[in-house]
PDB file of all heavy atoms in Angstrom:
ATOM      1  N   SER A   1      30.704  21.366  10.923  1.00  0.00           N
ATOM      2  CA  SER A   1      31.690  21.125  11.909  1.00  0.00           C
ATOM      3  C   SER A   1      31.132  20.670  13.262  1.00  0.00           C
ATOM      4  O   SER A   1      31.938  20.039  14.050  1.00  0.00           O
ATOM      5  CB  SER A   1      32.641  22.415  12.245  1.00  0.00           C
ATOM      6  OG  SER A   1      31.770  23.501  12.652  1.00  0.00           O
ATOM      7  N   ASP A   2      29.978  20.937  13.538  1.00  0.00           N
ATOM      8  CA  ASP A   2      29.430  20.455  14.973  1.00  0.00           C
ATOM      9  C   ASP A   2      29.408  18.921  14.957  1.00  0.00           C
ATOM     10  O   ASP A   2      29.015  18.192  14.015  1.00  0.00           O
ATOM     11  CB  ASP A   2      27.924  20.929  15.174  1.00  0.00           C
ATOM     12  CG  ASP A   2      27.991  22.426  15.542  1.00  0.00           C
ATOM     13  OD1 ASP A   2      29.015  22.993  15.787  1.00  0.00           O
ATOM     14  OD2 ASP A   2      26.803  22.952  15.731  1.00  0.00           O
ATOM     15  N   LEU A   3      29.725  18.414  16.147  1.00  0.00           N
ATOM     16  CA  LEU A   3      29.843  16.956  16.362  1.00  0.00           C
ATOM     17  C   LEU A   3      28.451  16.297  16.512  1.00  0.00           C
ATOM     18  O   LEU A   3      27.533  16.888  17.227  1.00  0.00           O
ATOM     19  CB  LEU A   3      30.733  16.757  17.451  1.00  0.00           C
ATOM     20  CG  LEU A   3      32.255  17.110  17.401  1.00  0.00           C
ATOM     21  CD1 LEU A   3      32.980  16.779  18.763  1.00  0.00           C
ATOM     22  CD2 LEU A   3      32.868  16.523  16.162  1.00  0.00           C
ATOM     23  N   LEU A   4      28.346  15.131  16.048  1.00  0.00           N
ATOM     24  CA  LEU A   4      27.033  14.395  16.262  1.00  0.00           C
ATOM     25  C   LEU A   4      26.753  14.246  17.696  1.00  0.00           C
ATOM     26  O   LEU A   4      25.581  14.281  18.116  1.00  0.00           O
ATOM     27  CB  LEU A   4      27.124  12.975  15.581  1.00  0.00           C
ATOM     28  CG  LEU A   4      25.999  12.138  15.713  1.00  0.00           C
ATOM     29  CD1 LEU A   4      24.663  12.762  15.140  1.00  0.00           C
ATOM     30  CD2 LEU A   4      26.167  10.897  15.012  1.00  0.00           C
ATOM     31  N   ALA A   5      27.795  13.921  18.518  1.00  0.00           N
ATOM     32  CA  ALA A   5      27.528  13.697  19.888  1.00  0.00           C
ATOM     33  C   ALA A   5      26.989  14.846  20.711  1.00  0.00           C
ATOM     34  O   ALA A   5      26.121  14.832  21.465  1.00  0.00           O
ATOM     35  CB  ALA A   5      28.852  13.287  20.608  1.00  0.00           C
ATOM     36  N   ASP A   6      27.475  16.113  20.310  1.00  0.00           N
ATOM     37  CA  ASP A   6      26.983  17.431  20.948  1.00  0.00           C
ATOM     38  C   ASP A   6      25.631  17.617  20.476  1.00  0.00           C
ATOM     39  O   ASP A   6      24.724  18.081  21.197  1.00  0.00           O
ATOM     40  CB  ASP A   6      27.948  18.534  20.440  1.00  0.00           C
ATOM     41  CG  ASP A   6      29.295  18.472  21.140  1.00  0.00           C
ATOM     42  OD1 ASP A   6      29.371  17.802  22.239  1.00  0.00           O
ATOM     43  OD2 ASP A   6      30.168  19.048  20.678  1.00  0.00           O
ATOM     44  N   PHE A   7      25.246  17.214  19.224  1.00  0.00           N
ATOM     45  CA  PHE A   7      23.988  17.436  18.625  1.00  0.00           C
ATOM     46  C   PHE A   7      22.874  16.581  19.338  1.00  0.00           C
ATOM     47  O   PHE A   7      21.914  17.004  19.804  1.00  0.00           O
ATOM     48  CB  PHE A   7      23.970  17.060  17.127  1.00  0.00           C
ATOM     49  CG  PHE A   7      22.600  16.890  16.494  1.00  0.00           C
ATOM     50  CD1 PHE A   7      21.873  17.955  16.128  1.00  0.00           C
ATOM     51  CD2 PHE A   7      21.967  15.672  16.339  1.00  0.00           C
ATOM     52  CE1 PHE A   7      20.643  17.904  15.526  1.00  0.00           C
ATOM     53  CE2 PHE A   7      20.717  15.493  15.737  1.00  0.00           C
ATOM     54  CZ  PHE A   7      20.091  16.593  15.303  1.00  0.00           C
ATOM     55  N   ILE A   8      23.242  15.251  19.633  1.00  0.00           N
ATOM     56  CA  ILE A   8      22.401  14.402  20.315  1.00  0.00           C
ATOM     57  C   ILE A   8      22.297  14.903  21.895  1.00  0.00           C
ATOM     58  O   ILE A   8      21.206  14.839  22.383  1.00  0.00           O
ATOM     59  CB  ILE A   8      23.027  12.897  20.420  1.00  0.00           C
ATOM     60  CG1 ILE A   8      23.024  12.439  18.890  1.00  0.00           C
ATOM     61  CG2 ILE A   8      22.156  11.951  21.241  1.00  0.00           C
ATOM     62  CD1 ILE A   8      23.861  11.049  18.779  1.00  0.00           C
ATOM     63  N   ASP A   9      23.289  15.423  22.409  1.00  0.00           N
ATOM     64  CA  ASP A   9      23.173  16.036  23.773  1.00  0.00           C
ATOM     65  C   ASP A   9      22.080  17.106  23.844  1.00  0.00           C
ATOM     66  O   ASP A   9      21.235  17.061  24.647  1.00  0.00           O
ATOM     67  CB  ASP A   9      24.579  16.612  24.175  1.00  0.00           C
ATOM     68  CG  ASP A   9      25.617  15.601  24.557  1.00  0.00           C
ATOM     69  OD1 ASP A   9      25.374  14.399  24.583  1.00  0.00           O
ATOM     70  OD2 ASP A   9      26.820  16.068  24.632  1.00  0.00           O
ATOM     71  N   LYS A  10      22.263  18.039  22.893  1.00  0.00           N
ATOM     72  CA  LYS A  10      21.368  19.283  22.916  1.00  0.00           C
ATOM     73  C   LYS A  10      19.953  18.891  22.510  1.00  0.00           C
ATOM     74  O   LYS A  10      18.977  19.366  23.174  1.00  0.00           O
ATOM     75  CB  LYS A  10      21.869  20.290  21.993  1.00  0.00           C
ATOM     76  CG  LYS A  10      23.209  20.925  22.377  1.00  0.00           C
ATOM     77  CD  LYS A  10      23.780  21.825  21.302  1.00  0.00           C
ATOM     78  CE  LYS A  10      25.178  22.402  21.704  1.00  0.00           C
ATOM     79  NZ  LYS A  10      25.707  23.264  20.671  1.00  0.00           N
ATOM     80  N   GLU A  11      19.794  17.960  21.580  1.00  0.00           N
ATOM     81  CA  GLU A  11      18.490  17.630  21.224  1.00  0.00           C
ATOM     82  C   GLU A  11      17.731  16.648  22.200  1.00  0.00           C
ATOM     83  O   GLU A  11      16.555  16.767  22.382  1.00  0.00           O
ATOM     84  CB  GLU A  11      18.447  16.900  19.806  1.00  0.00           C
ATOM     85  CG  GLU A  11      18.885  17.905  18.659  1.00  0.00           C
ATOM     86  CD  GLU A  11      17.928  19.117  18.613  1.00  0.00           C
ATOM     87  OE1 GLU A  11      16.651  18.985  18.680  1.00  0.00           O
ATOM     88  OE2 GLU A  11      18.337  20.169  18.444  1.00  0.00           O
ATOM     89  N   THR A  12      18.597  15.886  22.932  1.00  0.00           N
ATOM     90  CA  THR A  12      18.051  15.078  24.020  1.00  0.00           C
ATOM     91  C   THR A  12      17.508  15.954  25.106  1.00  0.00           C
ATOM     92  O   THR A  12      16.397  15.817  25.624  1.00  0.00           O
ATOM     93  CB  THR A  12      19.034  14.200  24.555  1.00  0.00           C
ATOM     94  OG1 THR A  12      19.483  13.124  23.558  1.00  0.00           O
ATOM     95  CG2 THR A  12      18.517  13.360  25.800  1.00  0.00           C
ATOM     96  N   ALA A  13      18.317  16.928  25.558  1.00  0.00           N
ATOM     97  CA  ALA A  13      17.888  17.871  26.559  1.00  0.00           C
ATOM     98  C   ALA A  13      16.646  18.628  26.163  1.00  0.00           C
ATOM     99  O   ALA A  13      15.745  18.801  26.971  1.00  0.00           O
ATOM    100  CB  ALA A  13      19.057  18.853  26.861  1.00  0.00           C
ATOM    101  N   ARG A  14      16.610  19.021  24.941  1.00  0.00           N
ATOM    102  CA  ARG A  14      15.379  19.749  24.403  1.00  0.00           C
ATOM    103  C   ARG A  14      14.134  18.954  24.479  1.00  0.00           C
ATOM    104  O   ARG A  14      13.096  19.365  24.881  1.00  0.00           O
ATOM    105  CB  ARG A  14      15.676  20.279  22.983  1.00  0.00           C
ATOM    106  CG  ARG A  14      14.589  21.166  22.427  1.00  0.00           C
ATOM    107  CD  ARG A  14      14.996  21.621  21.033  1.00  0.00           C
ATOM    108  NE  ARG A  14      15.079  20.472  20.072  1.00  0.00           N
ATOM    109  CZ  ARG A  14      13.927  19.980  19.500  1.00  0.00           C
ATOM    110  NH1 ARG A  14      12.824  20.407  19.730  1.00  0.00           N
ATOM    111  NH2 ARG A  14      14.153  18.919  18.685  1.00  0.00           N
ATOM    112  N   ILE A  15      14.170  17.697  24.044  1.00  0.00           N
ATOM    113  CA  ILE A  15      13.141  16.771  24.126  1.00  0.00           C
ATOM    114  C   ILE A  15      12.637  16.449  25.519  1.00  0.00           C
ATOM    115  O   ILE A  15      11.488  16.521  25.793  1.00  0.00           O
ATOM    116  CB  ILE A  15      13.473  15.473  23.360  1.00  0.00           C
ATOM    117  CG1 ILE A  15      13.529  15.713  21.830  1.00  0.00           C
ATOM    118  CG2 ILE A  15      12.481  14.340  23.747  1.00  0.00           C
ATOM    119  CD1 ILE A  15      13.934  14.534  21.094  1.00  0.00           C
ATOM    120  N   ILE A  16      13.541  16.310  26.396  1.00  0.00           N
ATOM    121  CA  ILE A  16      13.155  16.015  27.907  1.00  0.00           C
ATOM    122  C   ILE A  16      12.564  17.177  28.403  1.00  0.00           C
ATOM    123  O   ILE A  16      11.563  17.040  29.187  1.00  0.00           O
ATOM    124  CB  ILE A  16      14.487  15.635  28.644  1.00  0.00           C
ATOM    125  CG1 ILE A  16      15.047  14.391  28.264  1.00  0.00           C
ATOM    126  CG2 ILE A  16      14.187  15.680  30.179  1.00  0.00           C
ATOM    127  CD1 ILE A  16      16.487  14.029  28.861  1.00  0.00           C
ATOM    128  N   GLN A  17      12.976  18.394  28.062  1.00  0.00           N
ATOM    129  CA  GLN A  17      12.287  19.631  28.674  1.00  0.00           C
ATOM    130  C   GLN A  17      10.945  20.095  27.840  1.00  0.00           C
ATOM    131  O   GLN A  17      10.393  21.002  28.228  1.00  0.00           O
ATOM    132  CB  GLN A  17      13.379  20.686  28.627  1.00  0.00           C
ATOM    133  CG  GLN A  17      14.440  20.385  29.648  1.00  0.00           C
ATOM    134  CD  GLN A  17      15.781  21.327  29.469  1.00  0.00           C
ATOM    135  OE1 GLN A  17      16.070  21.749  28.463  1.00  0.00           O
ATOM    136  NE2 GLN A  17      16.353  21.618  30.507  1.00  0.00           N
ATOM    137  N   SER A  18      10.729  19.410  26.723  1.00  0.00           N
ATOM    138  CA  SER A  18       9.544  19.814  25.897  1.00  0.00           C
ATOM    139  C   SER A  18       8.251  19.313  26.460  1.00  0.00           C
ATOM    140  O   SER A  18       8.184  18.051  26.836  1.00  0.00           O
ATOM    141  CB  SER A  18       9.740  19.284  24.486  1.00  0.00           C
ATOM    142  OG  SER A  18       8.582  19.490  23.786  1.00  0.00           O
ATOM    143  N   GLU A  19       7.271  20.185  26.625  1.00  0.00           N
ATOM    144  CA  GLU A  19       5.921  19.774  27.125  1.00  0.00           C
ATOM    145  C   GLU A  19       5.189  18.927  26.090  1.00  0.00           C
ATOM    146  O   GLU A  19       4.243  18.271  26.354  1.00  0.00           O
ATOM    147  CB  GLU A  19       5.158  21.038  27.564  1.00  0.00           C
ATOM    148  CG  GLU A  19       5.797  21.804  28.753  1.00  0.00           C
ATOM    149  CD  GLU A  19       4.892  22.863  29.086  1.00  0.00           C
ATOM    150  OE1 GLU A  19       3.918  23.204  28.362  1.00  0.00           O
ATOM    151  OE2 GLU A  19       5.237  23.610  30.123  1.00  0.00           O
ATOM    152  N   SER A  20       5.589  19.119  24.776  1.00  0.00           N
ATOM    153  CA  SER A  20       4.863  18.459  23.691  1.00  0.00           C
ATOM    154  C   SER A  20       5.304  16.994  23.541  1.00  0.00           C
ATOM    155  O   SER A  20       4.767  16.193  22.730  1.00  0.00           O
ATOM    156  CB  SER A  20       4.861  19.126  22.399  1.00  0.00           C
ATOM    157  OG  SER A  20       6.235  19.355  22.086  1.00  0.00           O
ATOM    158  N   PHE A  21       6.392  16.649  24.116  1.00  0.00           N
ATOM    159  CA  PHE A  21       6.946  15.212  24.052  1.00  0.00           C
ATOM    160  C   PHE A  21       6.504  14.439  25.248  1.00  0.00           C
ATOM    161  O   PHE A  21       6.969  14.721  26.426  1.00  0.00           O
ATOM    162  CB  PHE A  21       8.461  15.290  23.926  1.00  0.00           C
ATOM    163  CG  PHE A  21       9.051  13.954  23.800  1.00  0.00           C
ATOM    164  CD1 PHE A  21       9.289  13.520  22.448  1.00  0.00           C
ATOM    165  CD2 PHE A  21       9.498  13.125  24.898  1.00  0.00           C
ATOM    166  CE1 PHE A  21       9.807  12.187  22.171  1.00  0.00           C
ATOM    167  CE2 PHE A  21      10.061  11.885  24.543  1.00  0.00           C
ATOM    168  CZ  PHE A  21      10.290  11.412  23.212  1.00  0.00           C
ATOM    169  N   VAL A  22       5.562  13.454  25.014  1.00  0.00           N
ATOM    170  CA  VAL A  22       5.092  12.652  26.235  1.00  0.00           C
ATOM    171  C   VAL A  22       5.758  11.381  26.114  1.00  0.00           C
ATOM    172  O   VAL A  22       5.464  10.516  25.190  1.00  0.00           O
ATOM    173  CB  VAL A  22       3.548  12.532  26.099  1.00  0.00           C
ATOM    174  CG1 VAL A  22       3.056  11.708  27.175  1.00  0.00           C
ATOM    175  CG2 VAL A  22       2.912  13.930  25.921  1.00  0.00           C
ATOM    176  N   LEU A  23       6.658  11.160  27.038  1.00  0.00           N
ATOM    177  CA  LEU A  23       7.473   9.919  26.916  1.00  0.00           C
ATOM    178  C   LEU A  23       6.773   8.551  26.894  1.00  0.00           C
ATOM    179  O   LEU A  23       7.004   7.760  26.142  1.00  0.00           O
ATOM    180  CB  LEU A  23       8.501   9.953  28.147  1.00  0.00           C
ATOM    181  CG  LEU A  23       9.456   8.838  28.138  1.00  0.00           C
ATOM    182  CD1 LEU A  23      10.339   8.769  26.959  1.00  0.00           C
ATOM    183  CD2 LEU A  23      10.366   8.820  29.472  1.00  0.00           C
ATOM    184  N   ASP A  24       5.806   8.452  27.846  1.00  0.00           N
ATOM    185  CA  ASP A  24       4.963   7.156  27.811  1.00  0.00           C
ATOM    186  C   ASP A  24       4.367   6.902  26.524  1.00  0.00           C
ATOM    187  O   ASP A  24       4.298   5.732  26.129  1.00  0.00           O
ATOM    188  CB  ASP A  24       3.994   7.203  28.953  1.00  0.00           C
ATOM    189  CG  ASP A  24       4.652   7.184  30.403  1.00  0.00           C
ATOM    190  OD1 ASP A  24       5.862   6.848  30.469  1.00  0.00           O
ATOM    191  OD2 ASP A  24       4.015   7.619  31.405  1.00  0.00           O
ATOM    192  N   THR A  25       3.806   7.948  25.829  1.00  0.00           N
ATOM    193  CA  THR A  25       3.075   7.699  24.614  1.00  0.00           C
ATOM    194  C   THR A  25       4.172   7.348  23.495  1.00  0.00           C
ATOM    195  O   THR A  25       3.968   6.436  22.694  1.00  0.00           O
ATOM    196  CB  THR A  25       2.450   8.993  24.160  1.00  0.00           C
ATOM    197  OG1 THR A  25       1.394   9.353  25.101  1.00  0.00           O
ATOM    198  CG2 THR A  25       1.850   8.880  22.764  1.00  0.00           C
ATOM    199  N   GLU A  26       5.386   7.981  23.572  1.00  0.00           N
ATOM    200  CA  GLU A  26       6.355   7.767  22.500  1.00  0.00           C
ATOM    201  C   GLU A  26       7.003   6.318  22.748  1.00  0.00           C
ATOM    202  O   GLU A  26       7.382   5.648  21.750  1.00  0.00           O
ATOM    203  CB  GLU A  26       7.431   8.765  22.663  1.00  0.00           C
ATOM    204  CG  GLU A  26       6.958  10.204  22.233  1.00  0.00           C
ATOM    205  CD  GLU A  26       6.502  10.287  20.820  1.00  0.00           C
ATOM    206  OE1 GLU A  26       6.852   9.385  19.968  1.00  0.00           O
ATOM    207  OE2 GLU A  26       5.601  11.152  20.537  1.00  0.00           O
ATOM    208  N   ILE A  27       7.019   5.901  24.033  1.00  0.00           N
ATOM    209  CA  ILE A  27       7.541   4.449  24.237  1.00  0.00           C
ATOM    210  C   ILE A  27       6.583   3.473  23.680  1.00  0.00           C
ATOM    211  O   ILE A  27       7.055   2.467  23.143  1.00  0.00           O
ATOM    212  CB  ILE A  27       7.675   4.289  25.794  1.00  0.00           C
ATOM    213  CG1 ILE A  27       8.998   5.060  26.247  1.00  0.00           C
ATOM    214  CG2 ILE A  27       7.827   2.847  26.096  1.00  0.00           C
ATOM    215  CD1 ILE A  27       9.198   4.968  27.818  1.00  0.00           C
ATOM    216  N   GLU A  28       5.347   3.690  23.819  1.00  0.00           N
ATOM    217  CA  GLU A  28       4.365   2.790  23.228  1.00  0.00           C
ATOM    218  C   GLU A  28       4.532   2.773  21.668  1.00  0.00           C
ATOM    219  O   GLU A  28       4.411   1.635  21.052  1.00  0.00           O
ATOM    220  CB  GLU A  28       2.884   3.080  23.587  1.00  0.00           C
ATOM    221  CG  GLU A  28       2.652   2.852  25.126  1.00  0.00           C
ATOM    222  CD  GLU A  28       3.076   1.465  25.517  1.00  0.00           C
ATOM    223  OE1 GLU A  28       2.549   0.477  24.732  1.00  0.00           O
ATOM    224  OE2 GLU A  28       3.761   1.275  26.479  1.00  0.00           O
ATOM    225  N   ILE A  29       4.627   3.903  21.083  1.00  0.00           N
ATOM    226  CA  ILE A  29       4.843   3.870  19.626  1.00  0.00           C
ATOM    227  C   ILE A  29       6.072   3.206  19.227  1.00  0.00           C
ATOM    228  O   ILE A  29       6.211   2.494  18.249  1.00  0.00           O
ATOM    229  CB  ILE A  29       4.753   5.415  19.042  1.00  0.00           C
ATOM    230  CG1 ILE A  29       3.491   6.058  19.332  1.00  0.00           C
ATOM    231  CG2 ILE A  29       5.115   5.482  17.535  1.00  0.00           C
ATOM    232  CD1 ILE A  29       3.409   7.330  19.092  1.00  0.00           C
ATOM    233  N   PHE A  30       7.240   3.503  20.006  1.00  0.00           N
ATOM    234  CA  PHE A  30       8.536   2.852  19.784  1.00  0.00           C
ATOM    235  C   PHE A  30       8.326   1.293  19.839  1.00  0.00           C
ATOM    236  O   PHE A  30       8.875   0.596  18.917  1.00  0.00           O
ATOM    237  CB  PHE A  30       9.495   3.291  20.891  1.00  0.00           C
ATOM    238  CG  PHE A  30      10.848   2.612  20.822  1.00  0.00           C
ATOM    239  CD1 PHE A  30      11.913   3.276  20.249  1.00  0.00           C
ATOM    240  CD2 PHE A  30      11.107   1.391  21.508  1.00  0.00           C
ATOM    241  CE1 PHE A  30      13.131   2.727  20.211  1.00  0.00           C
ATOM    242  CE2 PHE A  30      12.277   0.861  21.402  1.00  0.00           C
ATOM    243  CZ  PHE A  30      13.357   1.421  20.856  1.00  0.00           C
ATOM    244  N   LYS A  31       7.609   0.754  20.762  1.00  0.00           N
ATOM    245  CA  LYS A  31       7.447  -0.634  20.860  1.00  0.00           C
ATOM    246  C   LYS A  31       6.708  -1.208  19.624  1.00  0.00           C
ATOM    247  O   LYS A  31       6.938  -2.303  19.112  1.00  0.00           O
ATOM    248  CB  LYS A  31       6.735  -1.016  22.173  1.00  0.00           C
ATOM    249  CG  LYS A  31       7.633  -0.824  23.437  1.00  0.00           C
ATOM    250  CD  LYS A  31       6.707  -1.197  24.627  1.00  0.00           C
ATOM    251  CE  LYS A  31       7.672  -1.052  25.961  1.00  0.00           C
ATOM    252  NZ  LYS A  31       6.900  -1.350  27.203  1.00  0.00           N
ATOM    253  N   ARG A  32       5.668  -0.423  19.252  1.00  0.00           N
ATOM    254  CA  ARG A  32       4.937  -0.816  18.042  1.00  0.00           C
ATOM    255  C   ARG A  32       5.792  -0.942  16.818  1.00  0.00           C
ATOM    256  O   ARG A  32       5.693  -1.871  16.001  1.00  0.00           O
ATOM    257  CB  ARG A  32       3.747   0.148  17.869  1.00  0.00           C
ATOM    258  CG  ARG A  32       2.670   0.021  18.914  1.00  0.00           C
ATOM    259  CD  ARG A  32       1.636   1.116  18.705  1.00  0.00           C
ATOM    260  NE  ARG A  32       0.875   0.966  17.507  1.00  0.00           N
ATOM    261  CZ  ARG A  32       0.047   1.972  17.059  1.00  0.00           C
ATOM    262  NH1 ARG A  32      -0.099   3.095  17.880  1.00  0.00           N
ATOM    263  NH2 ARG A  32      -0.573   1.906  15.920  1.00  0.00           N
ATOM    264  N   VAL A  33       6.658   0.116  16.725  1.00  0.00           N
ATOM    265  CA  VAL A  33       7.646   0.076  15.466  1.00  0.00           C
ATOM    266  C   VAL A  33       8.485  -1.066  15.563  1.00  0.00           C
ATOM    267  O   VAL A  33       8.645  -1.804  14.434  1.00  0.00           O
ATOM    268  CB  VAL A  33       8.375   1.464  15.458  1.00  0.00           C
ATOM    269  CG1 VAL A  33       9.577   1.364  14.436  1.00  0.00           C
ATOM    270  CG2 VAL A  33       7.457   2.644  15.231  1.00  0.00           C
ATOM    271  N   PHE A  34       9.025  -1.394  16.650  1.00  0.00           N
ATOM    272  CA  PHE A  34      10.075  -2.436  16.694  1.00  0.00           C
ATOM    273  C   PHE A  34       9.377  -3.836  16.845  1.00  0.00           C
ATOM    274  O   PHE A  34       9.890  -4.754  16.345  1.00  0.00           O
ATOM    275  CB  PHE A  34      11.095  -2.223  17.766  1.00  0.00           C
ATOM    276  CG  PHE A  34      12.105  -1.208  17.418  1.00  0.00           C
ATOM    277  CD1 PHE A  34      11.810   0.238  17.714  1.00  0.00           C
ATOM    278  CD2 PHE A  34      13.171  -1.577  16.545  1.00  0.00           C
ATOM    279  CE1 PHE A  34      12.773   1.101  17.394  1.00  0.00           C
ATOM    280  CE2 PHE A  34      14.006  -0.609  16.190  1.00  0.00           C
ATOM    281  CZ  PHE A  34      13.936   0.752  16.551  1.00  0.00           C
ATOM    282  N   ASN A  35       8.075  -3.888  17.257  1.00  0.00           N
ATOM    283  CA  ASN A  35       7.352  -5.116  17.097  1.00  0.00           C
ATOM    284  C   ASN A  35       7.183  -5.527  15.628  1.00  0.00           C
ATOM    285  O   ASN A  35       7.354  -6.600  15.125  1.00  0.00           O
ATOM    286  CB  ASN A  35       6.112  -4.999  17.773  1.00  0.00           C
ATOM    287  CG  ASN A  35       6.147  -5.073  19.278  1.00  0.00           C
ATOM    288  OD1 ASN A  35       7.132  -5.385  19.861  1.00  0.00           O
ATOM    289  ND2 ASN A  35       4.963  -4.674  19.916  1.00  0.00           N
ATOM    290  N   LEU A  36       6.796  -4.465  14.937  1.00  0.00           N
ATOM    291  CA  LEU A  36       6.623  -4.618  13.429  1.00  0.00           C
ATOM    292  C   LEU A  36       7.845  -4.940  12.666  1.00  0.00           C
ATOM    293  O   LEU A  36       7.873  -5.900  11.895  1.00  0.00           O
ATOM    294  CB  LEU A  36       5.976  -3.317  12.940  1.00  0.00           C
ATOM    295  CG  LEU A  36       5.716  -3.234  11.378  1.00  0.00           C
ATOM    296  CD1 LEU A  36       4.706  -4.249  11.012  1.00  0.00           C
ATOM    297  CD2 LEU A  36       5.284  -1.858  10.931  1.00  0.00           C
ATOM    298  N   LEU A  37       8.911  -4.240  12.898  1.00  0.00           N
ATOM    299  CA  LEU A  37      10.224  -4.566  12.185  1.00  0.00           C
ATOM    300  C   LEU A  37      10.693  -5.894  12.484  1.00  0.00           C
ATOM    301  O   LEU A  37      11.210  -6.545  11.659  1.00  0.00           O
ATOM    302  CB  LEU A  37      11.218  -3.440  12.451  1.00  0.00           C
ATOM    303  CG  LEU A  37      10.998  -1.977  11.917  1.00  0.00           C
ATOM    304  CD1 LEU A  37      11.898  -0.949  12.553  1.00  0.00           C
ATOM    305  CD2 LEU A  37      11.003  -2.099  10.390  1.00  0.00           C
ATOM    306  N   ASP A  38      10.588  -6.267  13.857  1.00  0.00           N
ATOM    307  CA  ASP A  38      11.041  -7.531  14.188  1.00  0.00           C
ATOM    308  C   ASP A  38      10.223  -8.644  13.523  1.00  0.00           C
ATOM    309  O   ASP A  38      10.805  -9.703  13.068  1.00  0.00           O
ATOM    310  CB  ASP A  38      11.070  -7.731  15.703  1.00  0.00           C
ATOM    311  CG  ASP A  38      11.492  -9.049  16.136  1.00  0.00           C
ATOM    312  OD1 ASP A  38      12.702  -9.431  15.843  1.00  0.00           O
ATOM    313  OD2 ASP A  38      10.868  -9.785  16.914  1.00  0.00           O
ATOM    314  N   GLU A  39       8.953  -8.408  13.493  1.00  0.00           N
ATOM    315  CA  GLU A  39       8.028  -9.492  12.769  1.00  0.00           C
ATOM    316  C   GLU A  39       8.325  -9.535  11.283  1.00  0.00           C
ATOM    317  O   GLU A  39       8.376 -10.689  10.759  1.00  0.00           O
ATOM    318  CB  GLU A  39       6.573  -9.050  12.999  1.00  0.00           C
ATOM    319  CG  GLU A  39       5.595  -9.974  12.274  1.00  0.00           C
ATOM    320  CD  GLU A  39       4.184  -9.488  12.368  1.00  0.00           C
ATOM    321  OE1 GLU A  39       3.960  -8.635  13.319  1.00  0.00           O
ATOM    322  OE2 GLU A  39       3.254 -10.047  11.709  1.00  0.00           O
ATOM    323  N   VAL A  40       8.612  -8.419  10.585  1.00  0.00           N
ATOM    324  CA  VAL A  40       8.687  -8.391   9.155  1.00  0.00           C
ATOM    325  C   VAL A  40      10.112  -8.779   8.752  1.00  0.00           C
ATOM    326  O   VAL A  40      10.299  -9.470   7.728  1.00  0.00           O
ATOM    327  CB  VAL A  40       8.262  -7.010   8.508  1.00  0.00           C
ATOM    328  CG1 VAL A  40       8.556  -6.879   7.075  1.00  0.00           C
ATOM    329  CG2 VAL A  40       6.779  -6.746   8.852  1.00  0.00           C
ATOM    330  N   LEU A  41      11.106  -8.214   9.394  1.00  0.00           N
ATOM    331  CA  LEU A  41      12.509  -8.394   8.998  1.00  0.00           C
ATOM    332  C   LEU A  41      13.517  -8.968   9.995  1.00  0.00           C
ATOM    333  O   LEU A  41      14.632  -9.324   9.672  1.00  0.00           O
ATOM    334  CB  LEU A  41      13.068  -6.997   8.486  1.00  0.00           C
ATOM    335  CG  LEU A  41      12.552  -6.551   7.193  1.00  0.00           C
ATOM    336  CD1 LEU A  41      12.783  -5.078   7.047  1.00  0.00           C
ATOM    337  CD2 LEU A  41      13.214  -7.232   6.064  1.00  0.00           C
ATOM    338  N   SER A  42      13.032  -9.114  11.181  1.00  0.00           N
ATOM    339  CA  SER A  42      13.842  -9.810  12.228  1.00  0.00           C
ATOM    340  C   SER A  42      15.199  -8.992  12.411  1.00  0.00           C
ATOM    341  O   SER A  42      15.170  -7.721  12.359  1.00  0.00           O
ATOM    342  CB  SER A  42      14.084 -11.227  12.056  1.00  0.00           C
ATOM    343  OG  SER A  42      14.723 -11.838  13.154  1.00  0.00           O
ATOM    344  N   ASP A  43      16.277  -9.702  12.405  1.00  0.00           N
ATOM    345  CA  ASP A  43      17.590  -8.947  12.645  1.00  0.00           C
ATOM    346  C   ASP A  43      18.126  -8.434  11.286  1.00  0.00           C
ATOM    347  O   ASP A  43      19.317  -7.992  11.238  1.00  0.00           O
ATOM    348  CB  ASP A  43      18.627  -9.922  13.336  1.00  0.00           C
ATOM    349  CG  ASP A  43      18.940 -11.144  12.547  1.00  0.00           C
ATOM    350  OD1 ASP A  43      18.355 -11.334  11.527  1.00  0.00           O
ATOM    351  OD2 ASP A  43      19.696 -12.054  12.997  1.00  0.00           O
ATOM    352  N   GLU A  44      17.331  -8.493  10.226  1.00  0.00           N
ATOM    353  CA  GLU A  44      17.824  -7.878   8.952  1.00  0.00           C
ATOM    354  C   GLU A  44      17.233  -6.483   8.739  1.00  0.00           C
ATOM    355  O   GLU A  44      17.566  -5.762   7.760  1.00  0.00           O
ATOM    356  CB  GLU A  44      17.367  -8.849   7.874  1.00  0.00           C
ATOM    357  CG  GLU A  44      17.823 -10.154   7.778  1.00  0.00           C
ATOM    358  CD  GLU A  44      17.437 -11.017   6.564  1.00  0.00           C
ATOM    359  OE1 GLU A  44      16.337 -10.755   6.142  1.00  0.00           O
ATOM    360  OE2 GLU A  44      18.192 -11.863   6.170  1.00  0.00           O
ATOM    361  N   ALA A  45      16.543  -5.896   9.772  1.00  0.00           N
ATOM    362  CA  ALA A  45      15.866  -4.666   9.555  1.00  0.00           C
ATOM    363  C   ALA A  45      16.739  -3.516   9.252  1.00  0.00           C
ATOM    364  O   ALA A  45      16.404  -2.669   8.433  1.00  0.00           O
ATOM    365  CB  ALA A  45      15.069  -4.387  10.996  1.00  0.00           C
ATOM    366  N   PHE A  46      17.984  -3.544   9.811  1.00  0.00           N
ATOM    367  CA  PHE A  46      18.903  -2.398   9.519  1.00  0.00           C
ATOM    368  C   PHE A  46      20.214  -2.873   8.953  1.00  0.00           C
ATOM    369  O   PHE A  46      21.185  -2.224   9.088  1.00  0.00           O
ATOM    370  CB  PHE A  46      19.124  -1.592  10.747  1.00  0.00           C
ATOM    371  CG  PHE A  46      17.809  -1.181  11.444  1.00  0.00           C
ATOM    372  CD1 PHE A  46      17.458  -1.652  12.683  1.00  0.00           C
ATOM    373  CD2 PHE A  46      17.087  -0.258  10.924  1.00  0.00           C
ATOM    374  CE1 PHE A  46      16.306  -1.187  13.341  1.00  0.00           C
ATOM    375  CE2 PHE A  46      15.835   0.226  11.504  1.00  0.00           C
ATOM    376  CZ  PHE A  46      15.456  -0.309  12.691  1.00  0.00           C
TER     377      PHE A  46
END
């Protein structure tokens, strides 16, 4: 019964407050992932 929106709210807050989540590092990995997906599949990725 829990809503997806509430789940995203809570997990987002938890990540922001987590010492083990390093945003700058995760952004670089994010860019690598989407560089790759864009190269291999372009707008067909999803």
